Amino acid sequence: MTIHKSQGSQADQVTVLLPQEDSRLLTRELLYTAVTRAKRKVRVVGSDDSVRTAIQRRALRASGLAQRLAASHGIHRPRVVVDSPEQFGK
């Protein structure tokens, strides 16, 4: 079962196969979703670099939903786009 299909489900034991660190799918949110499916035991299979990348990389949402909801209620807020934590010295 894929991580995305497992959302909302749980299992006693979960094995997570991480993609290579250059995969755009590899994000903190993906790893969090996978790990939180386990009730008792998690086994993560992947390189140290893949795990490190997953922990450091955040998924960037670009749906525009927040801006559309705000605009529909007459609220105009500046749009903020963050490309990476390095921009802020973190």
N, C-alpha and C. Protein backbone atom coordinates (compact mmCIF):
# COMPACT_ATOMS: atom_id res chain seq x y z
N MET A 1 0.85 -1.17 0.00
CA MET A 1 0.00 0.00 0.00
C MET A 1 0.90 1.24 0.00
N THR A 2 0.52 2.25 -0.73
CA THR A 2 1.33 3.47 -0.78
C THR A 2 1.07 4.33 0.46
N ILE A 3 1.98 5.25 0.73
CA ILE A 3 1.82 6.15 1.87
C ILE A 3 0.54 6.97 1.71
N HIS A 4 0.30 7.46 0.51
CA HIS A 4 -0.89 8.30 0.29
C HIS A 4 -2.17 7.51 0.50
N LYS A 5 -2.21 6.27 0.06
CA LYS A 5 -3.41 5.46 0.24
C LYS A 5 -3.60 5.05 1.69
N SER A 6 -2.53 5.08 2.48
CA SER A 6 -2.63 4.66 3.88
C SER A 6 -3.12 5.77 4.80
N GLN A 7 -3.27 6.99 4.30
CA GLN A 7 -3.73 8.09 5.15
C GLN A 7 -5.07 7.72 5.77
N GLY A 8 -5.16 7.90 7.08
CA GLY A 8 -6.38 7.56 7.79
C GLY A 8 -6.39 6.13 8.31
N SER A 9 -5.41 5.33 7.92
CA SER A 9 -5.31 3.94 8.35
C SER A 9 -4.14 3.77 9.30
N GLN A 10 -4.15 2.66 10.04
CA GLN A 10 -3.03 2.32 10.90
C GLN A 10 -2.76 0.83 10.80
N ALA A 11 -1.53 0.45 11.17
CA ALA A 11 -1.13 -0.96 11.20
C ALA A 11 -0.19 -1.14 12.38
N ASP A 12 -0.11 -2.36 12.90
CA ASP A 12 0.80 -2.62 14.02
C ASP A 12 2.24 -2.35 13.62
N GLN A 13 2.62 -2.82 12.43
CA GLN A 13 3.98 -2.64 11.94
C GLN A 13 3.95 -2.01 10.56
N VAL A 14 4.86 -1.07 10.34
CA VAL A 14 4.94 -0.38 9.05
C VAL A 14 6.39 -0.39 8.58
N THR A 15 6.59 -0.72 7.32
CA THR A 15 7.90 -0.61 6.69
C THR A 15 7.82 0.50 5.65
N VAL A 16 8.69 1.48 5.76
CA VAL A 16 8.71 2.62 4.85
C VAL A 16 9.92 2.50 3.94
N LEU A 17 9.69 2.44 2.64
CA LEU A 17 10.77 2.41 1.65
C LEU A 17 10.91 3.81 1.09
N LEU A 18 11.98 4.49 1.47
CA LEU A 18 12.19 5.87 1.01
C LEU A 18 12.80 5.90 -0.38
N PRO A 19 12.35 6.85 -1.21
CA PRO A 19 12.99 7.03 -2.52
C PRO A 19 14.37 7.66 -2.33
N GLN A 20 15.12 7.74 -3.41
CA GLN A 20 16.44 8.38 -3.35
C GLN A 20 16.28 9.85 -2.99
N GLU A 21 17.34 10.42 -2.42
CA GLU A 21 17.26 11.78 -1.90
C GLU A 21 16.96 12.84 -2.95
N ASP A 22 17.17 12.54 -4.23
CA ASP A 22 16.88 13.53 -5.27
C ASP A 22 15.41 13.48 -5.74
N SER A 23 14.61 12.61 -5.15
CA SER A 23 13.20 12.51 -5.52
C SER A 23 12.41 13.68 -4.95
N ARG A 24 11.60 14.31 -5.78
CA ARG A 24 10.77 15.43 -5.33
C ARG A 24 9.68 14.96 -4.36
N LEU A 25 9.38 13.67 -4.36
CA LEU A 25 8.36 13.13 -3.45
C LEU A 25 8.84 13.07 -2.01
N LEU A 26 10.13 13.08 -1.81
CA LEU A 26 10.72 12.89 -0.49
C LEU A 26 10.63 14.18 0.32
N THR A 27 9.65 14.24 1.24
CA THR A 27 9.45 15.42 2.07
C THR A 27 9.20 15.02 3.52
N ARG A 28 9.31 15.99 4.39
CA ARG A 28 9.02 15.78 5.81
C ARG A 28 7.59 15.28 5.99
N GLU A 29 6.66 15.87 5.25
CA GLU A 29 5.26 15.49 5.38
C GLU A 29 5.02 14.04 4.96
N LEU A 30 5.70 13.60 3.91
CA LEU A 30 5.57 12.22 3.46
C LEU A 30 6.09 11.26 4.53
N LEU A 31 7.26 11.56 5.07
CA LEU A 31 7.84 10.71 6.11
C LEU A 31 6.96 10.70 7.35
N TYR A 32 6.45 11.85 7.74
CA TYR A 32 5.57 11.94 8.91
C TYR A 32 4.32 11.08 8.71
N THR A 33 3.70 11.19 7.55
CA THR A 33 2.51 10.40 7.26
C THR A 33 2.82 8.91 7.35
N ALA A 34 3.95 8.51 6.78
CA ALA A 34 4.32 7.09 6.80
C ALA A 34 4.57 6.60 8.21
N VAL A 35 5.34 7.34 8.98
CA VAL A 35 5.72 6.91 10.32
C VAL A 35 4.51 6.88 11.26
N THR A 36 3.59 7.80 11.10
CA THR A 36 2.44 7.85 12.00
C THR A 36 1.37 6.82 11.67
N ARG A 37 1.57 6.00 10.65
CA ARG A 37 0.63 4.91 10.37
C ARG A 37 0.85 3.73 11.32
N ALA A 38 2.01 3.67 11.95
CA ALA A 38 2.37 2.51 12.79
C ALA A 38 1.84 2.67 14.21
N LYS A 39 1.27 1.58 14.72
CA LYS A 39 0.83 1.56 16.11
C LYS A 39 1.97 1.14 17.04
N ARG A 40 2.82 0.21 16.58
CA ARG A 40 3.84 -0.34 17.47
C ARG A 40 5.26 -0.26 16.94
N LYS A 41 5.46 -0.51 15.65
CA LYS A 41 6.83 -0.62 15.13
C LYS A 41 6.93 -0.01 13.73
N VAL A 42 8.01 0.76 13.52
CA VAL A 42 8.29 1.36 12.21
C VAL A 42 9.68 0.93 11.78
N ARG A 43 9.79 0.52 10.54
CA ARG A 43 11.09 0.19 9.94
C ARG A 43 11.25 1.10 8.73
N VAL A 44 12.29 1.94 8.76
CA VAL A 44 12.55 2.86 7.65
C VAL A 44 13.71 2.30 6.85
N VAL A 45 13.48 2.08 5.55
CA VAL A 45 14.50 1.54 4.65
C VAL A 45 14.87 2.64 3.67
N GLY A 46 16.12 3.07 3.74
CA GLY A 46 16.61 4.12 2.86
C GLY A 46 17.97 4.57 3.32
N SER A 47 18.65 5.30 2.49
CA SER A 47 19.99 5.78 2.84
C SER A 47 19.90 6.86 3.92
N ASP A 48 21.02 7.07 4.61
CA ASP A 48 21.08 8.16 5.59
C ASP A 48 20.75 9.49 4.92
N ASP A 49 21.24 9.68 3.70
CA ASP A 49 20.97 10.92 2.97
C ASP A 49 19.48 11.09 2.68
N SER A 50 18.80 10.00 2.35
CA SER A 50 17.36 10.08 2.09
C SER A 50 16.59 10.47 3.34
N VAL A 51 16.95 9.89 4.47
CA VAL A 51 16.28 10.23 5.73
C VAL A 51 16.55 11.69 6.08
N ARG A 52 17.79 12.12 5.95
CA ARG A 52 18.17 13.50 6.25
C ARG A 52 17.41 14.47 5.34
N THR A 53 17.34 14.15 4.06
CA THR A 53 16.62 15.00 3.11
C THR A 53 15.15 15.08 3.47
N ALA A 54 14.55 13.95 3.79
CA ALA A 54 13.13 13.93 4.14
C ALA A 54 12.84 14.81 5.34
N ILE A 55 13.70 14.77 6.33
CA ILE A 55 13.51 15.58 7.54
C ILE A 55 13.64 17.06 7.24
N GLN A 56 14.54 17.42 6.34
CA GLN A 56 14.83 18.83 6.06
C GLN A 56 13.92 19.46 5.02
N ARG A 57 13.36 18.68 4.11
CA ARG A 57 12.59 19.25 2.99
C ARG A 57 11.10 19.31 3.32
N ARG A 58 10.54 20.51 3.24
CA ARG A 58 9.11 20.71 3.47
C ARG A 58 8.39 20.76 2.14
N ALA A 59 7.18 20.23 2.12
CA ALA A 59 6.35 20.31 0.92
C ALA A 59 5.84 21.74 0.78
N LEU A 60 5.95 22.30 -0.39
CA LEU A 60 5.46 23.66 -0.64
C LEU A 60 4.09 23.58 -1.30
N ARG A 61 3.14 24.17 -0.67
CA ARG A 61 1.78 24.18 -1.20
C ARG A 61 1.60 25.42 -2.07
N ALA A 62 1.02 25.24 -3.23
CA ALA A 62 0.83 26.37 -4.14
C ALA A 62 -0.58 26.35 -4.72
N SER A 63 -1.55 25.93 -3.93
CA SER A 63 -2.91 25.82 -4.44
C SER A 63 -3.59 27.18 -4.58
N GLY A 64 -3.17 28.16 -3.77
CA GLY A 64 -3.81 29.47 -3.81
C GLY A 64 -5.13 29.51 -3.05
N LEU A 65 -5.47 28.42 -2.37
CA LEU A 65 -6.75 28.35 -1.67
C LEU A 65 -6.88 29.43 -0.60
N ALA A 66 -5.85 29.63 0.19
CA ALA A 66 -5.92 30.64 1.26
C ALA A 66 -6.18 32.03 0.68
N GLN A 67 -5.51 32.35 -0.42
CA GLN A 67 -5.71 33.67 -1.04
C GLN A 67 -7.13 33.80 -1.60
N ARG A 68 -7.65 32.74 -2.20
CA ARG A 68 -9.01 32.80 -2.76
C ARG A 68 -10.06 32.94 -1.66
N LEU A 69 -9.87 32.21 -0.56
CA LEU A 69 -10.82 32.33 0.55
C LEU A 69 -10.78 33.73 1.16
N ALA A 70 -9.57 34.25 1.35
CA ALA A 70 -9.44 35.60 1.90
C ALA A 70 -10.08 36.63 0.98
N ALA A 71 -9.82 36.51 -0.32
CA ALA A 71 -10.37 37.46 -1.28
C ALA A 71 -11.90 37.39 -1.31
N SER A 72 -12.46 36.20 -1.16
CA SER A 72 -13.92 36.06 -1.19
C SER A 72 -14.58 36.71 0.03
N HIS A 73 -13.78 36.95 1.07
CA HIS A 73 -14.29 37.61 2.27
C HIS A 73 -13.77 39.04 2.40
N GLY A 74 -13.21 39.57 1.31
CA GLY A 74 -12.74 40.95 1.29
C GLY A 74 -11.45 41.18 2.06
N ILE A 75 -10.72 40.13 2.32
CA ILE A 75 -9.46 40.25 3.05
C ILE A 75 -8.33 40.14 2.03
N HIS A 76 -7.48 41.13 2.01
CA HIS A 76 -6.36 41.11 1.07
C HIS A 76 -5.07 41.04 1.86
N ARG A 77 -4.39 39.92 1.73
CA ARG A 77 -3.13 39.73 2.44
C ARG A 77 -2.02 39.54 1.42
N PRO A 78 -0.82 40.01 1.76
CA PRO A 78 0.30 39.80 0.83
C PRO A 78 0.61 38.32 0.72
N ARG A 79 0.97 37.92 -0.46
CA ARG A 79 1.32 36.53 -0.71
C ARG A 79 2.78 36.31 -0.33
N VAL A 80 3.04 35.29 0.45
CA VAL A 80 4.39 34.97 0.89
C VAL A 80 4.78 33.63 0.30
N VAL A 81 5.92 33.59 -0.37
CA VAL A 81 6.42 32.35 -0.94
C VAL A 81 7.79 32.09 -0.35
N VAL A 82 7.97 30.92 0.24
CA VAL A 82 9.26 30.55 0.83
C VAL A 82 9.82 29.41 0.01
N ASP A 83 10.99 29.63 -0.57
CA ASP A 83 11.62 28.60 -1.37
C ASP A 83 12.42 27.62 -0.52
N SER A 84 13.11 28.13 0.49
CA SER A 84 13.93 27.24 1.32
C SER A 84 14.24 27.91 2.65
N PRO A 85 14.50 27.11 3.69
CA PRO A 85 14.85 27.68 4.99
C PRO A 85 16.15 28.48 4.95
N GLU A 86 17.02 28.20 3.98
CA GLU A 86 18.29 28.91 3.88
C GLU A 86 18.08 30.40 3.66
N GLN A 87 16.95 30.79 3.09
CA GLN A 87 16.66 32.20 2.87
C GLN A 87 16.64 32.97 4.19
N PHE A 88 16.30 32.28 5.26
CA PHE A 88 16.15 32.92 6.55
C PHE A 88 17.26 32.55 7.51
N GLY A 89 18.33 31.96 7.00
CA GLY A 89 19.48 31.64 7.81
C GLY A 89 19.28 30.47 8.75
N LYS A 90 18.34 29.59 8.43
CA LYS A 90 18.11 28.40 9.27
C LYS A 90 18.61 27.16 8.59
